[in-house]
Amino acid sequence: MKICVHSNRGMRGEETPCAFYLGGRRLPVLAVIERWQDSMHQYYEVMVDDGRRFVLRFEPGLRSWERFFLGFRKQTVTPKPT
């Protein structure tokens, strides 16, 4: 799903999302939780002001942003006490 994202450029030219629009509502990005990339895209897991997390995908060649859905949820494994 393509979305409108406001971003800032870092010192090395990398884009970092600071707000995006979803359903006509502006969602400020409070934190970038994680970032990674593949050969064509940059991914950002972000947290918005109400605590929800989203993964945004940026394609630098097209300067295009979209809300990205992963086929799985990351899970934290807590070790069992021994």
C-alpha atoms as a PDB file:
ATOM      1  CA  MET A   1       0.000   0.000   0.000  1.00  0.00           C
ATOM      2  CA  LYS A   2       1.630   3.253  -1.142  1.00  0.00           C
ATOM      3  CA  ILE A   3       1.604   6.025   1.454  1.00  0.00           C
ATOM      4  CA  CYS A   4       2.756   9.604   1.901  1.00  0.00           C
ATOM      5  CA  VAL A   5       5.800   9.787   4.191  1.00  0.00           C
ATOM      6  CA  HIS A   6       7.625  12.860   5.440  1.00  0.00           C
ATOM      7  CA  SER A   7      11.292  12.056   5.916  1.00  0.00           C
ATOM      8  CA  ASN A   8      14.584  13.690   6.764  1.00  0.00           C
ATOM      9  CA  ARG A   9      17.897  13.045   5.075  1.00  0.00           C
ATOM     10  CA  GLY A  10      20.819  12.091   7.252  1.00  0.00           C
ATOM     11  CA  MET A  11      24.395  13.222   6.807  1.00  0.00           C
ATOM     12  CA  ARG A  12      25.073  10.295   4.448  1.00  0.00           C
ATOM     13  CA  GLY A  13      21.924  10.960   2.391  1.00  0.00           C
ATOM     14  CA  GLU A  14      19.842   8.164   3.931  1.00  0.00           C
ATOM     15  CA  GLU A  15      16.112   8.772   4.324  1.00  0.00           C
ATOM     16  CA  THR A  16      14.569   8.466   7.801  1.00  0.00           C
ATOM     17  CA  PRO A  17      10.772   8.653   8.200  1.00  0.00           C
ATOM     18  CA  CYS A  18       9.478  11.252  10.681  1.00  0.00           C
ATOM     19  CA  ALA A  19       5.707  11.078   9.942  1.00  0.00           C
ATOM     20  CA  PHE A  20       3.309   9.353   7.559  1.00  0.00           C
ATOM     21  CA  TYR A  21      -0.365   9.414   6.625  1.00  0.00           C
ATOM     22  CA  LEU A  22      -2.662   6.459   7.071  1.00  0.00           C
ATOM     23  CA  GLY A  23      -6.409   6.696   6.499  1.00  0.00           C
ATOM     24  CA  GLY A  24      -6.201  10.482   6.264  1.00  0.00           C
ATOM     25  CA  ARG A  25      -4.563  10.729   9.681  1.00  0.00           C
ATOM     26  CA  ARG A  26      -1.030  12.019  10.243  1.00  0.00           C
ATOM     27  CA  LEU A  27       1.009   9.642  12.404  1.00  0.00           C
ATOM     28  CA  PRO A  28       4.214  11.128  13.851  1.00  0.00           C
ATOM     29  CA  VAL A  29       7.080   8.648  14.142  1.00  0.00           C
ATOM     30  CA  LEU A  30       8.317   8.628  17.736  1.00  0.00           C
ATOM     31  CA  ALA A  31      11.076   6.082  17.195  1.00  0.00           C
ATOM     32  CA  VAL A  32      12.744   3.996  14.524  1.00  0.00           C
ATOM     33  CA  ILE A  33      12.919   0.609  16.238  1.00  0.00           C
ATOM     34  CA  GLU A  34      14.912  -1.186  13.576  1.00  0.00           C
ATOM     35  CA  ARG A  35      16.172  -0.613  10.036  1.00  0.00           C
ATOM     36  CA  TRP A  36      17.493  -2.992   7.412  1.00  0.00           C
ATOM     37  CA  GLN A  37      17.828  -3.208   3.641  1.00  0.00           C
ATOM     38  CA  ASP A  38      17.854  -5.615   0.749  1.00  0.00           C
ATOM     39  CA  SER A  39      19.155  -5.052  -2.762  1.00  0.00           C
ATOM     40  CA  MET A  40      16.306  -2.699  -3.775  1.00  0.00           C
ATOM     41  CA  HIS A  41      14.614  -1.417  -0.597  1.00  0.00           C
ATOM     42  CA  GLN A  42      15.235   0.101   2.796  1.00  0.00           C
ATOM     43  CA  TYR A  43      12.948  -1.012   5.635  1.00  0.00           C
ATOM     44  CA  TYR A  44      12.069   0.834   8.822  1.00  0.00           C
ATOM     45  CA  GLU A  45      10.153  -0.575  11.760  1.00  0.00           C
ATOM     46  CA  VAL A  46       8.692   2.500  13.423  1.00  0.00           C
ATOM     47  CA  MET A  47       6.594   3.267  16.487  1.00  0.00           C
ATOM     48  CA  VAL A  48       3.928   5.984  16.375  1.00  0.00           C
ATOM     49  CA  ASP A  49       2.510   8.102  19.187  1.00  0.00           C
ATOM     50  CA  ASP A  50      -0.212   5.619  20.208  1.00  0.00           C
ATOM     51  CA  GLY A  51       2.288   2.751  20.581  1.00  0.00           C
ATOM     52  CA  ARG A  52       1.505   0.929  17.326  1.00  0.00           C
ATOM     53  CA  ARG A  53       4.360  -0.330  15.186  1.00  0.00           C
ATOM     54  CA  PHE A  54       4.536  -0.319  11.415  1.00  0.00           C
ATOM     55  CA  VAL A  55       7.077  -1.436   8.840  1.00  0.00           C
ATOM     56  CA  LEU A  56       7.673   1.148   6.110  1.00  0.00           C
ATOM     57  CA  ARG A  57       9.518   0.276   2.911  1.00  0.00           C
ATOM     58  CA  PHE A  58      11.389   2.844   0.830  1.00  0.00           C
ATOM     59  CA  GLU A  59      12.554   2.308  -2.744  1.00  0.00           C
ATOM     60  CA  PRO A  60      15.305   4.900  -3.318  1.00  0.00           C
ATOM     61  CA  GLY A  61      15.331   4.577  -7.127  1.00  0.00           C
ATOM     62  CA  LEU A  62      11.660   5.614  -7.341  1.00  0.00           C
ATOM     63  CA  ARG A  63      11.628   7.689  -4.123  1.00  0.00           C
ATOM     64  CA  SER A  64       8.533   5.659  -3.241  1.00  0.00           C
ATOM     65  CA  TRP A  65       7.270   4.701   0.231  1.00  0.00           C
ATOM     66  CA  GLU A  66       4.791   2.016   1.171  1.00  0.00           C
ATOM     67  CA  ARG A  67       3.424   0.367   4.265  1.00  0.00           C
ATOM     68  CA  PHE A  68       4.899  -3.097   4.225  1.00  0.00           C
ATOM     69  CA  PHE A  69       3.352  -6.215   5.710  1.00  0.00           C
ATOM     70  CA  LEU A  70       5.597  -9.003   6.870  1.00  0.00           C
ATOM     71  CA  GLY A  71       4.294 -12.549   6.615  1.00  0.00           C
ATOM     72  CA  PHE A  72       5.231 -13.128  10.226  1.00  0.00           C
ATOM     73  CA  ARG A  73       5.469 -11.267  13.510  1.00  0.00           C
ATOM     74  CA  LYS A  74       8.798 -10.977  15.214  1.00  0.00           C
ATOM     75  CA  GLN A  75       8.740 -12.787  18.506  1.00  0.00           C
ATOM     76  CA  THR A  76      10.962 -12.320  21.484  1.00  0.00           C
ATOM     77  CA  VAL A  77      11.996 -15.592  23.058  1.00  0.00           C
ATOM     78  CA  THR A  78      12.266 -15.416  26.835  1.00  0.00           C
ATOM     79  CA  PRO A  79      14.490 -18.087  28.356  1.00  0.00           C
ATOM     80  CA  LYS A  80      12.787 -20.334  30.886  1.00  0.00           C
ATOM     81  CA  PRO A  81      14.157 -20.148  34.413  1.00  0.00           C
ATOM     82  CA  THR A  82      16.181 -23.194  35.411  1.00  0.00           C
END
